[in-house]
Amino acid sequence: MKQLNIWKTSFYTMLAIAAGAFTACVDDDVDKQAPTLELSEEAVAFTGTATEDATVTVRSNRQWTVAYEDEETQKEWMYFKVSGNEVSEGIYNGDGTVKITVGESAQPHMGRLIFTLSNSYGELYRKYLTVTQGNYVPPTVGAVGKLVEYILGNSDLSGAVGSDKAMPLQYSESTIEAVILANDAAGNNNRKLYVGDNNGLERSAIVLYGADFAMANDPVTKYPAGRKVTLNLENAKYYAFNNVRQLTDVVVTVGDEEVELVVPSLSVEKFNTGDYQAQYVKLNNMTPAQSFVGKPWTATESQSVTLNDASGKTLTVYMNKAQFATGFADMYVADKTGTIYGVAETYRENAQLIPTKKTDIAALSTDQGGGYGSRPDAGRRDLL
């Protein structure tokens, strides 16, 4: 009995110490309030005719940060400065202001600043401030986006899984207009052509599959990226392969008009949602995992190369066998941080990036290898 009393006394003493330590770390008044993060504006618009600035007020009772959604491109035309109680580098506590400045420009721009409210356990939620300059017109859903909506909303097509179960598309439009976003320029894309609305929106592109789109048939010349095309869908068939939406038996008529490609700049988090399937995209500030540094991008077997962003989130990059992806010969994974480009696809439940040409991986490559290795990807696409 005496031992039990001693144990009870020690237990309650520890509880009292723990309670005291907890309350000492939390401001009682703030802790009783719901976390708040309010912006005085949801959007700021500039004319672009002169150097201009605007100030947005931030109201918060917790710590918060603000960052560019796409620092690499947005810093070319927009700059922001924060005033407030900076408790550590880039982290502010309580109310503050953000001054946004843009220079004169004849080119319309659109970008977003991301405001993040966090506590000791991590991010609580975000708010976005949209910044536009000049006569910026938000993109609208185009012909390919409407086609993708039709496919996703058609329950009959949901059973078309695998090429042996391809089904007639039976779309209401016999022909639609599109833009070539990427082709099989380096042999990494397994006889695919990627077409879309070229507006940067989610679900606005689709894969066309066929022998004529392969590297051996010179797709760079026959189906150049950036060229407007007409798609004849009268005999088109649809099926999903490893969750990749694709069409076969589409007649592609390439026009003479060439446009500048709109290349969405995505975070790893947004890329991994799979919403940008079949689009040509880029991801900034990516670093190859050390286990791949010095090894060839393409090896004896197909492989998945892992990259990480600054926060450690993982991006998977698919590379075909070296015998097929000859456009990446003598390119080795470098110990660098930079931008990588490619088309967004999925392999079953996982999103992955597929580079289409040498320049897509140039920022993360070297011509000096430090060894040879590969990591098979479970026969990812060898049957295609």
Protein backbone atom coordinates (compact mmCIF):
# COMPACT_ATOMS: atom_id res chain seq x y z
CA MET A 1 0.00 0.00 0.00
CA LYS A 2 2.84 2.34 0.82
CA GLN A 3 4.39 1.72 -2.62
CA LEU A 4 1.06 2.59 -4.28
CA ASN A 5 0.83 5.94 -2.47
CA ILE A 6 4.36 6.83 -3.50
CA TRP A 7 3.49 6.03 -7.12
CA LYS A 8 0.32 8.16 -6.99
CA THR A 9 2.26 11.09 -5.51
CA SER A 10 4.90 10.87 -8.27
CA PHE A 11 2.25 10.59 -10.97
CA TYR A 12 0.34 13.71 -9.90
CA THR A 13 3.60 15.61 -9.50
CA MET A 14 4.51 14.79 -13.12
CA LEU A 15 1.05 15.88 -14.27
CA ALA A 16 1.44 19.21 -12.51
CA ILE A 17 4.87 19.80 -14.07
CA ALA A 18 3.59 18.91 -17.55
CA ALA A 19 0.58 21.19 -17.19
CA GLY A 20 2.77 24.03 -16.06
CA ALA A 21 5.16 23.53 -18.99
CA PHE A 22 2.27 23.55 -21.48
CA THR A 23 0.62 26.69 -20.17
CA ALA A 24 3.96 28.45 -20.05
CA CYS A 25 4.36 27.95 -23.83
CA VAL A 26 0.92 29.21 -24.85
CA ASP A 27 -0.56 32.65 -24.54
CA ASP A 28 -3.83 32.03 -22.69
CA ASP A 29 -5.70 34.85 -24.45
CA VAL A 30 -4.62 33.76 -27.93
CA ASP A 31 -5.12 30.07 -27.21
CA LYS A 32 -8.80 30.68 -26.44
CA GLN A 33 -9.33 32.29 -29.84
CA ALA A 34 -9.89 30.49 -33.12
CA PRO A 35 -6.92 30.91 -35.50
CA THR A 36 -7.54 33.75 -37.94
CA LEU A 37 -5.90 34.90 -41.15
CA GLU A 38 -7.66 37.67 -43.04
CA LEU A 39 -6.55 39.73 -46.05
CA SER A 40 -7.93 43.16 -46.79
CA GLU A 41 -8.04 42.22 -50.50
CA GLU A 42 -8.50 38.97 -52.41
CA ALA A 43 -7.17 40.44 -55.65
CA VAL A 44 -5.01 43.38 -56.75
CA ALA A 45 -4.99 44.67 -60.34
CA PHE A 46 -2.37 46.91 -61.96
CA THR A 47 -2.69 48.68 -65.29
CA GLY A 48 0.84 47.96 -66.52
CA THR A 49 1.24 51.50 -67.87
CA ALA A 50 3.68 52.62 -65.14
CA THR A 51 5.48 51.45 -62.03
CA GLU A 52 2.74 50.86 -59.47
CA ASP A 53 2.33 49.54 -55.95
CA ALA A 54 -0.46 48.48 -53.63
CA THR A 55 -0.64 47.52 -49.96
CA VAL A 56 -2.62 44.63 -48.52
CA THR A 57 -3.31 44.40 -44.79
CA VAL A 58 -2.97 41.08 -42.99
CA ARG A 59 -4.95 40.36 -39.82
CA SER A 60 -3.91 37.32 -37.82
CA ASN A 61 -3.57 36.01 -34.28
CA ARG A 62 -0.97 33.38 -35.19
CA GLN A 63 2.28 33.11 -37.09
CA TRP A 64 2.09 33.34 -40.88
CA THR A 65 4.22 33.45 -44.00
CA VAL A 66 3.78 34.76 -47.53
CA ALA A 67 5.43 33.44 -50.69
CA TYR A 68 5.19 33.53 -54.47
CA GLU A 69 3.19 30.69 -55.95
CA ASP A 70 5.80 30.55 -58.73
CA GLU A 71 8.85 32.51 -57.59
CA GLU A 72 10.91 31.96 -60.73
CA THR A 73 8.42 33.55 -63.12
CA GLN A 74 6.64 35.98 -60.79
CA LYS A 75 9.80 37.71 -59.60
CA GLU A 76 10.40 38.77 -63.18
CA TRP A 77 7.50 41.24 -62.96
CA MET A 78 6.37 41.47 -59.32
CA TYR A 79 8.04 42.21 -55.99
CA PHE A 80 6.61 42.22 -52.48
CA LYS A 81 7.85 43.49 -49.11
CA VAL A 82 6.39 42.58 -45.72
CA SER A 83 6.15 44.88 -42.70
CA GLY A 84 5.23 43.44 -39.32
CA ASN A 85 6.46 41.56 -36.29
CA GLU A 86 9.05 39.21 -37.80
CA VAL A 87 9.75 36.55 -35.16
CA SER A 88 12.24 34.72 -37.37
CA GLU A 89 13.31 34.99 -41.00
CA GLY A 90 10.20 35.13 -43.17
CA ILE A 91 7.83 34.29 -40.32
CA TYR A 92 5.49 37.00 -39.00
CA ASN A 93 3.29 37.06 -35.94
CA GLY A 94 0.05 39.02 -35.66
CA ASP A 95 -1.01 41.85 -37.96
CA GLY A 96 1.12 43.15 -40.80
CA THR A 97 1.14 44.63 -44.30
CA VAL A 98 2.40 43.43 -47.67
CA LYS A 99 3.44 46.02 -50.25
CA ILE A 100 3.34 44.75 -53.85
CA THR A 101 5.22 46.57 -56.60
CA VAL A 102 5.20 45.99 -60.37
CA GLY A 103 7.05 47.74 -63.17
CA GLU A 104 5.69 49.09 -66.42
CA SER A 105 4.91 46.29 -68.87
CA ALA A 106 3.00 45.84 -72.11
CA GLN A 107 2.73 42.12 -71.35
CA PRO A 108 -0.25 41.00 -69.23
CA HIS A 109 0.58 38.92 -66.17
CA MET A 110 -1.20 36.94 -63.50
CA GLY A 111 0.23 35.44 -60.34
CA ARG A 112 -0.72 34.59 -56.79
CA LEU A 113 0.83 35.13 -53.38
CA ILE A 114 0.28 32.31 -50.90
CA PHE A 115 -0.40 33.27 -47.28
CA THR A 116 0.03 30.36 -44.88
CA LEU A 117 -1.04 30.25 -41.24
CA SER A 118 0.74 27.69 -39.07
CA ASN A 119 1.27 26.57 -35.51
CA SER A 120 3.86 24.30 -33.88
CA TYR A 121 2.22 21.26 -35.50
CA GLY A 122 2.43 22.63 -39.03
CA GLU A 123 0.24 24.38 -41.60
CA LEU A 124 -3.36 25.15 -40.60
CA TYR A 125 -4.67 26.68 -43.81
CA ARG A 126 -3.87 29.00 -46.71
CA LYS A 127 -5.23 32.08 -48.40
CA TYR A 128 -4.36 33.35 -51.85
CA LEU A 129 -3.97 36.88 -53.19
CA THR A 130 -4.36 37.14 -56.97
CA VAL A 131 -2.20 39.80 -58.65
CA THR A 132 -2.84 40.81 -62.26
CA GLN A 133 -1.15 43.32 -64.53
CA GLY A 134 -2.43 44.78 -67.78
CA ASN A 135 -5.32 43.38 -69.77
CA TYR A 136 -5.12 39.90 -68.35
CA VAL A 137 -8.01 37.66 -69.42
CA PRO A 138 -8.51 34.51 -67.31
CA PRO A 139 -8.53 31.33 -69.41
CA THR A 140 -11.77 29.49 -70.04
CA VAL A 141 -12.40 25.82 -70.74
CA GLY A 142 -11.63 25.01 -74.37
CA ALA A 143 -12.54 22.22 -76.76
CA VAL A 144 -10.17 19.65 -75.26
CA GLY A 145 -11.23 20.55 -71.73
CA LYS A 146 -14.84 19.94 -72.71
CA LEU A 147 -13.86 16.61 -74.25
CA VAL A 148 -12.13 15.56 -71.00
CA GLU A 149 -15.24 16.62 -69.06
CA TYR A 150 -17.32 14.39 -71.35
CA ILE A 151 -15.00 11.42 -70.80
CA LEU A 152 -14.92 11.82 -67.02
CA GLY A 153 -18.69 12.21 -66.86
CA ASN A 154 -19.53 9.28 -69.14
CA SER A 155 -20.17 6.18 -67.03
CA ASP A 156 -20.11 3.96 -70.12
CA LEU A 157 -16.46 4.85 -70.77
CA SER A 158 -15.41 4.09 -67.19
CA GLY A 159 -15.14 0.40 -68.10
CA ALA A 160 -12.67 1.07 -70.92
CA VAL A 161 -9.58 0.04 -68.97
CA GLY A 162 -6.76 -1.33 -71.11
CA SER A 163 -6.38 -1.37 -74.89
CA ASP A 164 -8.33 -4.62 -75.19
CA LYS A 165 -11.40 -2.84 -73.80
CA ALA A 166 -11.19 0.32 -75.91
CA MET A 167 -14.63 1.78 -76.62
CA PRO A 168 -15.94 4.10 -79.37
CA LEU A 169 -15.68 7.67 -78.09
CA GLN A 170 -19.05 8.71 -79.59
CA TYR A 171 -18.47 12.39 -78.90
CA SER A 172 -20.98 14.96 -80.09
CA GLU A 173 -18.31 16.94 -81.98
CA SER A 174 -16.76 15.18 -84.95
CA THR A 175 -13.80 17.58 -85.06
CA ILE A 176 -12.20 19.86 -82.48
CA GLU A 177 -9.28 22.28 -82.45
CA ALA A 178 -6.22 21.77 -80.24
CA VAL A 179 -2.52 22.59 -79.83
CA ILE A 180 0.32 20.07 -79.76
CA LEU A 181 1.85 20.32 -76.28
CA ALA A 182 4.53 17.65 -76.59
CA ASN A 183 5.65 14.74 -78.75
CA ASP A 184 7.94 11.72 -78.58
CA ALA A 185 11.01 13.75 -79.53
CA ALA A 186 13.52 11.72 -77.46
CA GLY A 187 11.93 8.26 -77.43
CA ASN A 188 10.74 8.56 -73.84
CA ASN A 189 7.01 8.82 -74.55
CA ASN A 190 6.13 5.49 -76.12
CA ARG A 191 4.34 6.53 -79.33
CA LYS A 192 2.29 9.32 -77.79
CA LEU A 193 1.24 12.79 -78.83
CA TYR A 194 -0.05 15.24 -76.22
CA VAL A 195 -2.66 17.79 -77.28
CA GLY A 196 -4.63 20.37 -75.33
CA ASP A 197 -6.20 23.80 -75.12
CA ASN A 198 -2.88 25.46 -74.24
CA ASN A 199 -4.44 27.53 -71.46
CA GLY A 200 -2.77 26.09 -68.36
CA LEU A 201 -6.03 24.91 -66.83
CA GLU A 202 -6.47 21.57 -65.11
CA ARG A 203 -7.91 18.72 -67.19
CA SER A 204 -7.38 20.53 -70.47
CA ALA A 205 -5.23 17.98 -72.33
CA ILE A 206 -5.33 14.38 -73.50
CA VAL A 207 -3.00 11.71 -74.91
CA LEU A 208 -3.22 10.46 -78.49
CA TYR A 209 -1.68 7.04 -78.98
CA GLY A 210 -0.46 5.56 -82.26
CA ALA A 211 2.55 4.27 -84.14
CA ASP A 212 2.83 7.38 -86.31
CA PHE A 213 3.58 9.52 -83.24
CA ALA A 214 6.73 7.55 -82.33
CA MET A 215 10.27 8.90 -82.45
CA ALA A 216 11.17 6.62 -85.37
CA ASN A 217 8.55 8.39 -87.48
CA ASP A 218 10.05 11.84 -86.83
CA PRO A 219 7.30 13.45 -84.69
CA VAL A 220 9.38 16.60 -84.21
CA THR A 221 8.95 17.42 -87.90
CA LYS A 222 5.50 15.92 -88.46
CA TYR A 223 3.90 16.97 -85.15
CA PRO A 224 5.87 19.93 -83.77
CA ALA A 225 5.04 21.23 -80.30
CA GLY A 226 3.20 24.55 -80.41
CA ARG A 227 1.43 23.86 -83.69
CA LYS A 228 -2.35 24.16 -83.95
CA VAL A 229 -4.12 21.01 -85.13
CA THR A 230 -7.57 19.72 -86.01
CA LEU A 231 -8.60 16.41 -84.45
CA ASN A 232 -11.09 14.24 -86.35
CA LEU A 233 -12.85 12.12 -83.72
CA GLU A 234 -15.35 10.28 -85.93
CA ASN A 235 -13.63 6.90 -85.49
CA ALA A 236 -11.86 7.64 -82.22
CA LYS A 237 -11.71 5.04 -79.48
CA TYR A 238 -11.05 5.69 -75.80
CA TYR A 239 -9.42 3.67 -73.05
CA ALA A 240 -7.44 4.28 -69.87
CA PHE A 241 -4.02 2.69 -69.52
CA ASN A 242 -2.70 2.71 -65.95
CA ASN A 243 -5.12 5.61 -65.35
CA VAL A 244 -3.81 7.61 -68.31
CA ARG A 245 -6.68 8.86 -70.49
CA GLN A 246 -5.90 8.29 -74.16
CA LEU A 247 -7.50 8.15 -77.59
CA THR A 248 -6.64 6.03 -80.59
CA ASP A 249 -7.70 6.23 -84.25
CA VAL A 250 -7.74 10.03 -84.22
CA VAL A 251 -6.91 11.74 -87.50
CA VAL A 252 -4.60 14.69 -86.79
CA THR A 253 -4.39 17.49 -89.34
CA VAL A 254 -1.49 19.83 -88.58
CA GLY A 255 -2.07 23.48 -89.43
CA ASP A 256 0.42 26.21 -90.25
CA GLU A 257 -0.25 28.39 -87.21
CA GLU A 258 2.24 28.15 -84.37
CA VAL A 259 1.58 29.54 -80.90
CA GLU A 260 3.68 30.05 -77.77
CA LEU A 261 3.10 27.22 -75.32
CA VAL A 262 1.56 28.03 -71.95
CA VAL A 263 3.59 25.96 -69.49
CA PRO A 264 2.00 25.70 -66.02
CA SER A 265 4.48 26.00 -63.18
CA LEU A 266 3.40 23.50 -60.54
CA SER A 267 4.36 22.66 -57.00
CA VAL A 268 5.03 18.98 -56.28
CA GLU A 269 1.87 18.97 -54.20
CA LYS A 270 -0.26 20.23 -57.09
CA PHE A 271 1.46 17.98 -59.62
CA ASN A 272 0.83 14.89 -57.53
CA THR A 273 -2.93 15.47 -57.59
CA GLY A 274 -2.91 14.14 -61.16
CA ASP A 275 -5.15 16.99 -62.35
CA TYR A 276 -2.67 18.11 -65.02
CA GLN A 277 -2.50 14.79 -66.84
CA ALA A 278 -1.21 15.01 -70.45
CA GLN A 279 -0.07 18.63 -70.04
CA TYR A 280 3.46 19.88 -70.57
CA VAL A 281 4.47 21.42 -67.24
CA LYS A 282 7.47 22.53 -65.21
CA LEU A 283 8.53 22.24 -61.58
CA ASN A 284 11.04 24.69 -60.14
CA ASN A 285 13.72 24.28 -57.49
CA MET A 286 13.91 20.50 -57.71
CA THR A 287 16.89 18.48 -56.48
CA PRO A 288 17.69 14.86 -57.44
CA ALA A 289 17.88 12.34 -54.61
CA GLN A 290 21.52 11.59 -53.78
CA SER A 291 21.09 7.92 -54.68
CA PHE A 292 20.71 8.94 -58.34
CA VAL A 293 23.47 11.56 -58.58
CA GLY A 294 26.15 10.55 -61.07
CA LYS A 295 24.02 7.85 -62.66
CA PRO A 296 22.59 7.97 -66.19
CA TRP A 297 19.07 9.27 -66.68
CA THR A 298 18.38 6.25 -68.89
CA ALA A 299 19.62 2.76 -68.11
CA THR A 300 19.28 -0.83 -69.29
CA GLU A 301 15.81 -1.01 -67.81
CA SER A 302 13.19 1.71 -67.46
CA GLN A 303 13.49 3.51 -64.17
CA SER A 304 11.96 6.13 -61.90
CA VAL A 305 14.28 8.94 -60.83
CA THR A 306 13.32 10.67 -57.59
CA LEU A 307 13.53 14.44 -57.13
CA ASN A 308 12.71 16.47 -54.03
CA ASP A 309 11.55 20.03 -53.49
CA ALA A 310 12.82 22.29 -50.70
CA SER A 311 10.36 20.82 -48.19
CA GLY A 312 11.23 17.22 -49.06
CA LYS A 313 8.13 16.43 -51.13
CA THR A 314 8.90 13.79 -53.76
CA LEU A 315 8.49 13.97 -57.53
CA THR A 316 8.78 10.80 -59.61
CA VAL A 317 10.38 11.14 -63.06
CA TYR A 318 9.89 8.22 -65.45
CA MET A 319 12.67 7.37 -67.90
CA ASN A 320 12.31 4.76 -70.62
CA LYS A 321 14.95 2.17 -71.47
CA ALA A 322 18.13 3.64 -72.94
CA GLN A 323 17.63 1.66 -76.17
CA PHE A 324 14.39 3.59 -76.78
CA ALA A 325 15.02 6.99 -75.10
CA THR A 326 18.11 7.66 -77.22
CA GLY A 327 17.56 11.41 -77.02
CA PHE A 328 18.92 11.34 -73.46
CA ALA A 329 22.14 9.45 -74.22
CA ASP A 330 25.21 10.52 -72.22
CA MET A 331 23.13 12.60 -69.78
CA TYR A 332 23.80 11.96 -66.10
CA VAL A 333 21.92 13.08 -63.01
CA ALA A 334 23.69 16.08 -61.48
CA ASP A 335 23.94 17.25 -57.90
CA LYS A 336 22.09 20.47 -58.75
CA THR A 337 18.87 22.29 -57.99
CA GLY A 338 16.85 23.63 -60.91
CA THR A 339 13.78 23.44 -63.11
CA ILE A 340 12.60 20.26 -64.80
CA TYR A 341 10.04 20.04 -67.62
CA GLY A 342 7.94 17.22 -69.00
CA VAL A 343 4.45 15.84 -69.52
CA ALA A 344 2.30 14.88 -66.57
CA GLU A 345 1.09 11.32 -66.50
CA THR A 346 0.08 8.72 -63.95
CA TYR A 347 1.11 5.15 -63.29
CA ARG A 348 -1.85 3.55 -61.60
CA GLU A 349 -2.41 5.78 -58.54
CA ASN A 350 0.83 7.75 -58.71
CA ALA A 351 1.57 10.87 -60.74
CA GLN A 352 4.85 10.98 -62.62
CA LEU A 353 6.65 13.39 -64.91
CA ILE A 354 7.92 12.22 -68.31
CA PRO A 355 10.60 14.41 -69.93
CA THR A 356 10.14 14.76 -73.68
CA LYS A 357 13.45 16.16 -74.89
CA LYS A 358 17.00 16.87 -73.79
CA THR A 359 16.36 20.44 -72.67
CA ASP A 360 13.65 19.23 -70.27
CA ILE A 361 16.28 17.83 -67.90
CA ALA A 362 19.28 19.98 -68.87
CA ALA A 363 19.26 22.03 -65.64
CA LEU A 364 19.66 18.86 -63.57
CA SER A 365 22.15 17.08 -65.80
CA THR A 366 25.85 16.72 -66.44
CA ASP A 367 27.81 14.92 -69.13
CA GLN A 368 30.12 13.42 -66.51
CA GLY A 369 28.83 10.20 -64.96
CA GLY A 370 29.86 8.83 -61.59
CA GLY A 371 28.66 5.28 -62.09
CA TYR A 372 26.04 3.25 -63.83
CA GLY A 373 22.88 2.06 -62.23
CA SER A 374 19.19 1.57 -62.79
CA ARG A 375 16.07 0.94 -60.85
CA PRO A 376 13.43 -1.08 -62.73
CA ASP A 377 9.91 0.30 -62.67
CA ALA A 378 7.99 -2.97 -62.60
CA GLY A 379 7.82 -3.18 -66.41
CA ARG A 380 6.04 0.18 -66.37
CA ARG A 381 5.44 0.59 -70.11
CA ASP A 382 7.27 -2.20 -71.87
CA LEU A 383 4.00 -3.59 -73.25
CA LEU A 384 3.00 -0.33 -74.87
